[in-house]
Amino acid sequence: MTTANSRLAEFFLEHSRKRLLKEHWPRLKACVEPMTVEQIWWRPNDASNSVGNLILHLNGNATQWLVAAFNRDPDKRDRSAEFSATGGLTAAELLNRLGATIAEAEKILNRLTVEELLAPYEIQGYHVRGLDAVYQVVEHFGLHYGQIAYIAKSLSGKDLGFYRELNKTGRAK
């Protein structure tokens, strides 16, 4: 591959790691760690998901789209179970499970090549390139982390403080 392609792949993977591993994941943990079991599994209505469901779902998604896909492992995901769960796991147990998957995802993001990013994959019935799979996981994680942050903020009634640096620089205005 050309140097330009390699540089572009490096930049894409660097940004993907930053968003997933340095922003979304630590902030999600900060939101969930103080939650009680009741708060983890609370649903505002039957059409909505609990924080527990969202964490199980993020774990299933990252496992399927990054870990299994790039390791060429069989897809063992049970997506419906992610949404039908109604309890049984604490915040620590859920975060440990997702944390193990995030650690595997980090290894993959650290080793991906241009060829793997351009290679075709079939994931969840979709025909995608590796680049699509990485983007899907980072974007998907950000979407559901945002839902979890909203629930955490609603429960605590406090600012989560994730953008304090903007106040110090004047960029918050």
N, C-alpha and C. Protein backbone atom coordinates (compact mmCIF):
# COMPACT_ATOMS: atom_id res chain seq x y z
N MET A 1 0.83 -1.19 0.00
CA MET A 1 0.00 0.00 0.00
C MET A 1 0.87 1.25 0.00
N THR A 2 0.30 2.30 -0.44
CA THR A 2 1.04 3.55 -0.52
C THR A 2 1.26 4.15 0.87
N THR A 3 2.22 5.01 0.96
CA THR A 3 2.50 5.71 2.21
C THR A 3 1.30 6.53 2.63
N ALA A 4 0.62 7.17 1.67
CA ALA A 4 -0.56 7.98 1.99
C ALA A 4 -1.64 7.11 2.61
N ASN A 5 -1.86 5.92 2.06
CA ASN A 5 -2.86 5.01 2.63
C ASN A 5 -2.47 4.59 4.04
N SER A 6 -1.20 4.30 4.25
CA SER A 6 -0.72 3.91 5.58
C SER A 6 -0.90 5.04 6.58
N ARG A 7 -0.59 6.25 6.15
CA ARG A 7 -0.75 7.41 7.04
C ARG A 7 -2.22 7.66 7.36
N LEU A 8 -3.07 7.51 6.36
CA LEU A 8 -4.49 7.69 6.59
C LEU A 8 -5.03 6.62 7.55
N ALA A 9 -4.62 5.38 7.36
CA ALA A 9 -5.03 4.30 8.26
C ALA A 9 -4.55 4.56 9.68
N GLU A 10 -3.31 5.01 9.82
CA GLU A 10 -2.76 5.35 11.13
C GLU A 10 -3.60 6.43 11.81
N PHE A 11 -3.91 7.48 11.07
CA PHE A 11 -4.70 8.58 11.62
C PHE A 11 -6.09 8.10 12.03
N PHE A 12 -6.73 7.32 11.15
CA PHE A 12 -8.07 6.80 11.44
C PHE A 12 -8.06 5.93 12.70
N LEU A 13 -7.09 5.04 12.81
CA LEU A 13 -7.02 4.15 13.97
C LEU A 13 -6.67 4.92 15.24
N GLU A 14 -5.78 5.90 15.11
CA GLU A 14 -5.43 6.74 16.26
C GLU A 14 -6.66 7.48 16.78
N HIS A 15 -7.42 8.06 15.87
CA HIS A 15 -8.62 8.78 16.27
C HIS A 15 -9.67 7.82 16.84
N SER A 16 -9.82 6.67 16.25
CA SER A 16 -10.77 5.67 16.75
C SER A 16 -10.40 5.22 18.15
N ARG A 17 -9.13 4.97 18.39
CA ARG A 17 -8.68 4.59 19.74
C ARG A 17 -8.94 5.71 20.73
N LYS A 18 -8.64 6.95 20.32
CA LYS A 18 -8.86 8.10 21.21
C LYS A 18 -10.33 8.19 21.61
N ARG A 19 -11.21 8.16 20.64
CA ARG A 19 -12.64 8.31 20.93
C ARG A 19 -13.16 7.16 21.80
N LEU A 20 -12.85 5.93 21.42
CA LEU A 20 -13.38 4.77 22.13
C LEU A 20 -12.70 4.57 23.48
N LEU A 21 -11.38 4.58 23.51
CA LEU A 21 -10.63 4.17 24.70
C LEU A 21 -10.33 5.30 25.67
N LYS A 22 -10.22 6.52 25.18
CA LYS A 22 -9.82 7.63 26.06
C LYS A 22 -10.98 8.56 26.39
N GLU A 23 -12.06 8.49 25.60
CA GLU A 23 -13.19 9.37 25.86
C GLU A 23 -14.44 8.57 26.25
N HIS A 24 -15.02 7.85 25.31
CA HIS A 24 -16.29 7.17 25.57
C HIS A 24 -16.21 6.18 26.73
N TRP A 25 -15.24 5.28 26.71
CA TRP A 25 -15.17 4.22 27.71
C TRP A 25 -14.92 4.78 29.12
N PRO A 26 -13.94 5.64 29.36
CA PRO A 26 -13.76 6.17 30.72
C PRO A 26 -14.96 6.97 31.22
N ARG A 27 -15.59 7.70 30.34
CA ARG A 27 -16.75 8.49 30.75
C ARG A 27 -17.94 7.58 31.06
N LEU A 28 -18.13 6.54 30.26
CA LEU A 28 -19.20 5.59 30.54
C LEU A 28 -18.97 4.97 31.91
N LYS A 29 -17.74 4.54 32.19
CA LYS A 29 -17.43 3.96 33.51
C LYS A 29 -17.74 4.94 34.63
N ALA A 30 -17.34 6.19 34.46
CA ALA A 30 -17.59 7.19 35.50
C ALA A 30 -19.08 7.38 35.76
N CYS A 31 -19.88 7.25 34.72
CA CYS A 31 -21.33 7.37 34.86
C CYS A 31 -21.93 6.18 35.61
N VAL A 32 -21.43 5.00 35.33
CA VAL A 32 -22.07 3.76 35.80
C VAL A 32 -21.56 3.32 37.17
N GLU A 33 -20.30 3.55 37.48
CA GLU A 33 -19.72 3.05 38.73
C GLU A 33 -20.54 3.40 39.98
N PRO A 34 -21.06 4.63 40.12
CA PRO A 34 -21.79 4.94 41.34
C PRO A 34 -23.24 4.43 41.37
N MET A 35 -23.72 3.84 40.29
CA MET A 35 -25.12 3.43 40.23
C MET A 35 -25.40 2.18 41.07
N THR A 36 -26.58 2.19 41.67
CA THR A 36 -27.05 1.01 42.41
C THR A 36 -27.58 -0.01 41.41
N VAL A 37 -27.79 -1.21 41.88
CA VAL A 37 -28.36 -2.26 41.02
C VAL A 37 -29.73 -1.82 40.50
N GLU A 38 -30.51 -1.19 41.36
CA GLU A 38 -31.83 -0.72 40.93
C GLU A 38 -31.71 0.32 39.81
N GLN A 39 -30.77 1.23 39.94
CA GLN A 39 -30.57 2.25 38.91
C GLN A 39 -30.06 1.63 37.60
N ILE A 40 -29.20 0.64 37.71
CA ILE A 40 -28.66 -0.03 36.53
C ILE A 40 -29.77 -0.67 35.70
N TRP A 41 -30.75 -1.25 36.37
CA TRP A 41 -31.78 -2.02 35.66
C TRP A 41 -33.11 -1.29 35.51
N TRP A 42 -33.16 -0.01 35.93
CA TRP A 42 -34.38 0.78 35.79
C TRP A 42 -34.63 1.10 34.33
N ARG A 43 -35.90 0.98 33.95
CA ARG A 43 -36.35 1.37 32.61
C ARG A 43 -37.50 2.36 32.77
N PRO A 44 -37.48 3.46 32.03
CA PRO A 44 -38.59 4.40 32.15
C PRO A 44 -39.90 3.85 31.62
N ASN A 45 -39.82 2.90 30.69
CA ASN A 45 -41.01 2.26 30.12
C ASN A 45 -40.56 1.00 29.37
N ASP A 46 -41.53 0.22 28.93
CA ASP A 46 -41.21 -1.06 28.27
C ASP A 46 -40.52 -0.89 26.91
N ALA A 47 -40.65 0.27 26.31
CA ALA A 47 -40.02 0.51 25.00
C ALA A 47 -38.58 0.99 25.13
N SER A 48 -38.12 1.21 26.36
CA SER A 48 -36.77 1.75 26.59
C SER A 48 -35.86 0.69 27.20
N ASN A 49 -34.58 0.97 27.13
CA ASN A 49 -33.58 0.06 27.70
C ASN A 49 -33.02 0.62 28.99
N SER A 50 -32.60 -0.29 29.84
CA SER A 50 -31.91 0.10 31.07
C SER A 50 -30.43 0.32 30.75
N VAL A 51 -29.72 0.91 31.68
CA VAL A 51 -28.27 1.04 31.55
C VAL A 51 -27.65 -0.35 31.42
N GLY A 52 -28.16 -1.31 32.18
CA GLY A 52 -27.66 -2.68 32.09
C GLY A 52 -27.82 -3.25 30.69
N ASN A 53 -28.99 -3.03 30.10
CA ASN A 53 -29.21 -3.50 28.71
C ASN A 53 -28.24 -2.83 27.75
N LEU A 54 -28.03 -1.53 27.92
CA LEU A 54 -27.14 -0.80 27.01
C LEU A 54 -25.70 -1.29 27.13
N ILE A 55 -25.26 -1.61 28.34
CA ILE A 55 -23.90 -2.12 28.51
C ILE A 55 -23.77 -3.51 27.90
N LEU A 56 -24.76 -4.37 28.12
CA LEU A 56 -24.74 -5.70 27.48
C LEU A 56 -24.72 -5.54 25.96
N HIS A 57 -25.50 -4.60 25.47
CA HIS A 57 -25.58 -4.35 24.03
C HIS A 57 -24.25 -3.84 23.47
N LEU A 58 -23.61 -2.92 24.17
CA LEU A 58 -22.31 -2.42 23.72
C LEU A 58 -21.28 -3.55 23.71
N ASN A 59 -21.35 -4.41 24.71
CA ASN A 59 -20.43 -5.54 24.77
C ASN A 59 -20.66 -6.48 23.58
N GLY A 60 -21.91 -6.78 23.30
CA GLY A 60 -22.23 -7.64 22.16
C GLY A 60 -21.81 -7.04 20.84
N ASN A 61 -22.04 -5.75 20.69
CA ASN A 61 -21.69 -5.06 19.45
C ASN A 61 -20.18 -5.05 19.22
N ALA A 62 -19.42 -4.65 20.23
CA ALA A 62 -17.96 -4.59 20.08
C ALA A 62 -17.37 -5.98 19.87
N THR A 63 -17.93 -6.97 20.53
CA THR A 63 -17.46 -8.34 20.34
C THR A 63 -17.72 -8.79 18.91
N GLN A 64 -18.91 -8.56 18.42
CA GLN A 64 -19.28 -9.01 17.08
C GLN A 64 -18.55 -8.25 15.98
N TRP A 65 -18.55 -6.92 16.06
CA TRP A 65 -18.04 -6.09 14.97
C TRP A 65 -16.53 -5.91 14.98
N LEU A 66 -15.89 -6.00 16.13
CA LEU A 66 -14.43 -5.84 16.18
C LEU A 66 -13.73 -7.15 16.49
N VAL A 67 -14.02 -7.72 17.65
CA VAL A 67 -13.26 -8.88 18.12
C VAL A 67 -13.48 -10.09 17.22
N ALA A 68 -14.72 -10.52 17.07
CA ALA A 68 -14.97 -11.71 16.25
C ALA A 68 -14.65 -11.46 14.78
N ALA A 69 -15.03 -10.30 14.27
CA ALA A 69 -14.82 -10.02 12.84
C ALA A 69 -13.33 -10.02 12.48
N PHE A 70 -12.52 -9.26 13.21
CA PHE A 70 -11.12 -9.13 12.84
C PHE A 70 -10.27 -10.33 13.26
N ASN A 71 -10.77 -11.09 14.23
CA ASN A 71 -10.07 -12.34 14.58
C ASN A 71 -10.58 -13.51 13.75
N ARG A 72 -11.58 -13.24 12.91
CA ARG A 72 -12.21 -14.27 12.07
C ARG A 72 -12.75 -15.42 12.93
N ASP A 73 -13.31 -15.03 14.11
CA ASP A 73 -13.93 -15.99 15.02
C ASP A 73 -15.40 -16.16 14.65
N PRO A 74 -16.00 -17.27 15.05
CA PRO A 74 -17.44 -17.43 14.81
C PRO A 74 -18.23 -16.37 15.60
N ASP A 75 -19.33 -15.94 15.03
CA ASP A 75 -20.20 -14.95 15.66
C ASP A 75 -21.16 -15.69 16.59
N LYS A 76 -20.99 -15.49 17.89
CA LYS A 76 -21.83 -16.17 18.89
C LYS A 76 -22.78 -15.21 19.60
N ARG A 77 -22.97 -14.05 19.03
CA ARG A 77 -23.78 -13.02 19.68
C ARG A 77 -25.24 -13.43 19.79
N ASP A 78 -25.83 -13.15 20.96
CA ASP A 78 -27.27 -13.33 21.19
C ASP A 78 -27.84 -11.93 21.47
N ARG A 79 -28.10 -11.21 20.41
CA ARG A 79 -28.51 -9.80 20.51
C ARG A 79 -29.80 -9.63 21.31
N SER A 80 -30.75 -10.51 21.11
CA SER A 80 -32.03 -10.36 21.82
C SER A 80 -31.85 -10.50 23.34
N ALA A 81 -30.88 -11.30 23.78
CA ALA A 81 -30.64 -11.45 25.21
C ALA A 81 -30.11 -10.15 25.83
N GLU A 82 -29.43 -9.34 25.03
CA GLU A 82 -28.91 -8.07 25.53
C GLU A 82 -30.05 -7.14 25.96
N PHE A 83 -31.16 -7.22 25.26
CA PHE A 83 -32.29 -6.34 25.53
C PHE A 83 -33.33 -6.95 26.45
N SER A 84 -33.35 -8.27 26.57
CA SER A 84 -34.36 -8.91 27.41
C SER A 84 -33.92 -9.06 28.86
N ALA A 85 -32.65 -8.87 29.15
CA ALA A 85 -32.16 -8.98 30.53
C ALA A 85 -32.84 -7.92 31.39
N THR A 86 -33.16 -8.31 32.61
CA THR A 86 -33.83 -7.39 33.53
C THR A 86 -33.13 -7.29 34.88
N GLY A 87 -31.96 -7.85 34.99
CA GLY A 87 -31.22 -7.78 36.25
C GLY A 87 -30.19 -8.89 36.33
N GLY A 88 -29.69 -9.06 37.55
CA GLY A 88 -28.76 -10.14 37.80
C GLY A 88 -27.30 -9.75 37.83
N LEU A 89 -26.96 -8.58 37.30
CA LEU A 89 -25.56 -8.14 37.29
C LEU A 89 -25.44 -6.75 37.92
N THR A 90 -24.38 -6.55 38.67
CA THR A 90 -24.11 -5.25 39.28
C THR A 90 -23.37 -4.36 38.29
N ALA A 91 -23.21 -3.11 38.67
CA ALA A 91 -22.43 -2.19 37.84
C ALA A 91 -21.02 -2.72 37.64
N ALA A 92 -20.39 -3.18 38.72
CA ALA A 92 -19.02 -3.69 38.63
C ALA A 92 -18.93 -4.89 37.70
N GLU A 93 -19.88 -5.80 37.79
CA GLU A 93 -19.86 -6.98 36.93
C GLU A 93 -20.05 -6.60 35.45
N LEU A 94 -20.97 -5.71 35.19
CA LEU A 94 -21.19 -5.26 33.81
C LEU A 94 -19.97 -4.54 33.26
N LEU A 95 -19.38 -3.66 34.06
CA LEU A 95 -18.21 -2.91 33.61
C LEU A 95 -17.00 -3.82 33.43
N ASN A 96 -16.85 -4.83 34.28
CA ASN A 96 -15.75 -5.78 34.11
C ASN A 96 -15.90 -6.56 32.81
N ARG A 97 -17.10 -6.96 32.51
CA ARG A 97 -17.37 -7.71 31.27
C ARG A 97 -17.07 -6.83 30.05
N LEU A 98 -17.61 -5.61 30.06
CA LEU A 98 -17.36 -4.71 28.94
C LEU A 98 -15.88 -4.30 28.88
N GLY A 99 -15.27 -4.13 30.04
CA GLY A 99 -13.85 -3.77 30.08
C GLY A 99 -12.96 -4.82 29.44
N ALA A 100 -13.30 -6.09 29.63
CA ALA A 100 -12.52 -7.16 29.00
C ALA A 100 -12.66 -7.10 27.48
N THR A 101 -13.86 -6.80 27.01
CA THR A 101 -14.08 -6.67 25.57
C THR A 101 -13.35 -5.45 25.02
N ILE A 102 -13.38 -4.35 25.75
CA ILE A 102 -12.68 -3.14 25.33
C ILE A 102 -11.17 -3.41 25.25
N ALA A 103 -10.63 -4.18 26.19
CA ALA A 103 -9.21 -4.53 26.15
C ALA A 103 -8.89 -5.34 24.89
N GLU A 104 -9.77 -6.25 24.51
CA GLU A 104 -9.58 -7.02 23.28
C GLU A 104 -9.69 -6.11 22.05
N ALA A 105 -10.65 -5.21 22.09
CA ALA A 105 -10.82 -4.27 20.98
C ALA A 105 -9.58 -3.39 20.83
N GLU A 106 -8.99 -2.98 21.95
CA GLU A 106 -7.78 -2.16 21.90
C GLU A 106 -6.65 -2.91 21.21
N LYS A 107 -6.48 -4.18 21.54
CA LYS A 107 -5.44 -4.99 20.89
C LYS A 107 -5.65 -5.01 19.38
N ILE A 108 -6.89 -5.16 18.97
CA ILE A 108 -7.20 -5.20 17.54
C ILE A 108 -6.93 -3.85 16.90
N LEU A 109 -7.38 -2.78 17.52
CA LEU A 109 -7.15 -1.44 16.97
C LEU A 109 -5.66 -1.10 16.90
N ASN A 110 -4.87 -1.72 17.76
CA ASN A 110 -3.42 -1.49 17.75
C ASN A 110 -2.70 -2.28 16.65
N ARG A 111 -3.34 -3.29 16.12
CA ARG A 111 -2.64 -4.15 15.15
C ARG A 111 -3.22 -4.12 13.74
N LEU A 112 -4.34 -3.46 13.55
CA LEU A 112 -4.96 -3.47 12.23
C LEU A 112 -4.06 -2.87 11.17
N THR A 113 -4.13 -3.46 10.00
CA THR A 113 -3.35 -3.01 8.85
C THR A 113 -4.26 -2.34 7.83
N VAL A 114 -3.67 -1.65 6.89
CA VAL A 114 -4.43 -1.06 5.80
C VAL A 114 -5.22 -2.15 5.08
N GLU A 115 -4.57 -3.28 4.86
CA GLU A 115 -5.24 -4.38 4.15
C GLU A 115 -6.48 -4.86 4.90
N GLU A 116 -6.39 -4.96 6.22
CA GLU A 116 -7.55 -5.39 7.02
C GLU A 116 -8.65 -4.33 7.01
N LEU A 117 -8.27 -3.08 7.01
CA LEU A 117 -9.27 -2.01 6.96
C LEU A 117 -10.00 -1.98 5.63
N LEU A 118 -9.33 -2.39 4.57
CA LEU A 118 -9.94 -2.40 3.24
C LEU A 118 -10.59 -3.73 2.88
N ALA A 119 -10.31 -4.77 3.68
CA ALA A 119 -10.83 -6.11 3.38
C ALA A 119 -12.34 -6.18 3.61
N PRO A 120 -13.02 -7.05 2.84
CA PRO A 120 -14.46 -7.23 3.04
C PRO A 120 -14.75 -8.18 4.20
N TYR A 121 -15.83 -7.90 4.90
CA TYR A 121 -16.29 -8.72 6.02
C TYR A 121 -17.81 -8.82 5.91
N GLU A 122 -18.35 -9.90 6.42
CA GLU A 122 -19.80 -10.00 6.59
C GLU A 122 -20.06 -10.04 8.08
N ILE A 123 -20.74 -9.01 8.56
CA ILE A 123 -21.01 -8.86 9.99
C ILE A 123 -22.49 -8.58 10.16
N GLN A 124 -23.15 -9.40 10.93
CA GLN A 124 -24.57 -9.23 11.23
C GLN A 124 -25.39 -9.16 9.94
N GLY A 125 -24.93 -9.86 8.92
CA GLY A 125 -25.64 -9.88 7.65
C GLY A 125 -25.29 -8.73 6.72
N TYR A 126 -24.45 -7.81 7.18
CA TYR A 126 -24.04 -6.68 6.36
C TYR A 126 -22.72 -6.99 5.68
N HIS A 127 -22.57 -6.55 4.45
CA HIS A 127 -21.30 -6.66 3.74
C HIS A 127 -20.59 -5.33 3.86
N VAL A 128 -19.48 -5.33 4.62
CA VAL A 128 -18.77 -4.10 4.95
C VAL A 128 -17.27 -4.29 4.76
N ARG A 129 -16.56 -3.20 4.81
CA ARG A 129 -15.10 -3.22 4.85
C ARG A 129 -14.68 -3.08 6.32
N GLY A 130 -13.44 -3.40 6.59
CA GLY A 130 -12.94 -3.28 7.95
C GLY A 130 -13.08 -1.86 8.49
N LEU A 131 -12.85 -0.89 7.63
CA LEU A 131 -13.00 0.51 8.00
C LEU A 131 -14.42 0.79 8.52
N ASP A 132 -15.40 0.23 7.83
CA ASP A 132 -16.80 0.40 8.25
C ASP A 132 -17.04 -0.19 9.62
N ALA A 133 -16.45 -1.36 9.86
CA ALA A 133 -16.65 -2.06 11.13
C ALA A 133 -16.10 -1.24 12.30
N VAL A 134 -14.91 -0.71 12.14
CA VAL A 134 -14.32 0.11 13.20
C VAL A 134 -15.18 1.34 13.44
N TYR A 135 -15.54 2.02 12.37
CA TYR A 135 -16.35 3.23 12.49
C TYR A 135 -17.70 2.93 13.15
N GLN A 136 -18.30 1.80 12.79
CA GLN A 136 -19.59 1.42 13.35
C GLN A 136 -19.48 1.27 14.87
N VAL A 137 -18.43 0.61 15.34
CA VAL A 137 -18.28 0.37 16.78
C VAL A 137 -18.06 1.69 17.53
N VAL A 138 -17.19 2.53 17.02
CA VAL A 138 -16.91 3.80 17.71
C VAL A 138 -18.16 4.68 17.74
N GLU A 139 -18.83 4.79 16.61
CA GLU A 139 -20.04 5.61 16.53
C GLU A 139 -21.14 5.03 17.42
N HIS A 140 -21.33 3.74 17.36
CA HIS A 140 -22.36 3.05 18.14
C HIS A 140 -22.10 3.19 19.63
N PHE A 141 -20.84 3.06 20.02
CA PHE A 141 -20.47 3.21 21.43
C PHE A 141 -20.79 4.63 21.89
N GLY A 142 -20.46 5.62 21.07
CA GLY A 142 -20.74 7.01 21.41
C GLY A 142 -22.23 7.29 21.58
N LEU A 143 -23.03 6.70 20.71
CA LEU A 143 -24.48 6.86 20.79
C LEU A 143 -25.01 6.36 22.12
N HIS A 144 -24.66 5.14 22.47
CA HIS A 144 -25.21 4.55 23.70
C HIS A 144 -24.53 5.08 24.95
N TYR A 145 -23.26 5.47 24.86
CA TYR A 145 -22.65 6.14 26.00
C TYR A 145 -23.43 7.43 26.30
N GLY A 146 -23.84 8.15 25.26
CA GLY A 146 -24.61 9.37 25.45
C GLY A 146 -25.93 9.11 26.17
N GLN A 147 -26.58 8.01 25.82
CA GLN A 147 -27.83 7.65 26.53
C GLN A 147 -27.55 7.35 28.00
N ILE A 148 -26.46 6.64 28.26
CA ILE A 148 -26.10 6.31 29.63
C ILE A 148 -25.74 7.58 30.40
N ALA A 149 -25.01 8.49 29.77
CA ALA A 149 -24.66 9.75 30.43
C ALA A 149 -25.91 10.56 30.77
N TYR A 150 -26.88 10.56 29.86
CA TYR A 150 -28.13 11.28 30.12
C TYR A 150 -28.85 10.67 31.32
N ILE A 151 -28.91 9.36 31.39
CA ILE A 151 -29.56 8.69 32.52
C ILE A 151 -28.81 9.02 33.81
N ALA A 152 -27.48 8.94 33.77
CA ALA A 152 -26.67 9.22 34.97
C ALA A 152 -26.89 10.66 35.46
N LYS A 153 -26.91 11.57 34.52
CA LYS A 153 -27.11 12.98 34.88
C LYS A 153 -28.52 13.19 35.43
N SER A 154 -29.50 12.53 34.86
CA SER A 154 -30.88 12.63 35.35
C SER A 154 -31.00 12.08 36.76
N LEU A 155 -30.32 10.97 37.02
CA LEU A 155 -30.39 10.34 38.35
C LEU A 155 -29.66 11.17 39.40
N SER A 156 -28.51 11.73 39.04
CA SER A 156 -27.70 12.45 40.03
C SER A 156 -28.10 13.91 40.17
N GLY A 157 -28.66 14.49 39.11
CA GLY A 157 -28.99 15.90 39.14
C GLY A 157 -27.75 16.79 39.12
N LYS A 158 -26.62 16.22 38.69
CA LYS A 158 -25.36 16.96 38.69
C LYS A 158 -24.72 16.94 37.31
N ASP A 159 -23.94 17.98 37.05
CA ASP A 159 -23.13 17.99 35.83
C ASP A 159 -22.08 16.90 35.95
N LEU A 160 -21.84 16.19 34.88
CA LEU A 160 -20.87 15.10 34.91
C LEU A 160 -19.43 15.60 34.84
N GLY A 161 -19.22 16.84 34.44
CA GLY A 161 -17.90 17.45 34.46
C GLY A 161 -16.94 16.95 33.41
N PHE A 162 -17.43 16.40 32.33
CA PHE A 162 -16.55 15.84 31.31
C PHE A 162 -15.89 16.90 30.43
N TYR A 163 -16.36 18.13 30.50
CA TYR A 163 -15.81 19.18 29.65
C TYR A 163 -15.34 20.38 30.48
N ARG A 164 -14.84 20.10 31.67
CA ARG A 164 -14.35 21.17 32.55
C ARG A 164 -13.28 22.03 31.89
N GLU A 165 -12.45 21.39 31.04
CA GLU A 165 -11.34 22.13 30.41
C GLU A 165 -11.85 23.27 29.54
N LEU A 166 -13.07 23.18 29.05
CA LEU A 166 -13.62 24.26 28.22
C LEU A 166 -13.84 25.52 29.05
N ASN A 167 -14.19 25.35 30.31
CA ASN A 167 -14.38 26.52 31.18
C ASN A 167 -13.05 27.21 31.44
N LYS A 168 -11.97 26.45 31.57
CA LYS A 168 -10.65 27.03 31.86
C LYS A 168 -10.08 27.78 30.67
N THR A 169 -10.43 27.36 29.47
CA THR A 169 -9.86 27.98 28.27
C THR A 169 -10.74 29.07 27.68
N GLY A 170 -11.96 29.17 28.18
CA GLY A 170 -12.88 30.15 27.63
C GLY A 170 -13.66 29.63 26.42
N ARG A 171 -13.42 28.38 26.02
CA ARG A 171 -14.10 27.83 24.85
C ARG A 171 -15.54 27.43 25.15
N ALA A 172 -15.95 27.49 26.42
CA ALA A 172 -17.31 27.11 26.78
C ALA A 172 -18.32 28.17 26.39
N LYS A 173 -17.86 29.37 26.10
CA LYS A 173 -18.76 30.48 25.79
C LYS A 173 -19.34 30.36 24.42
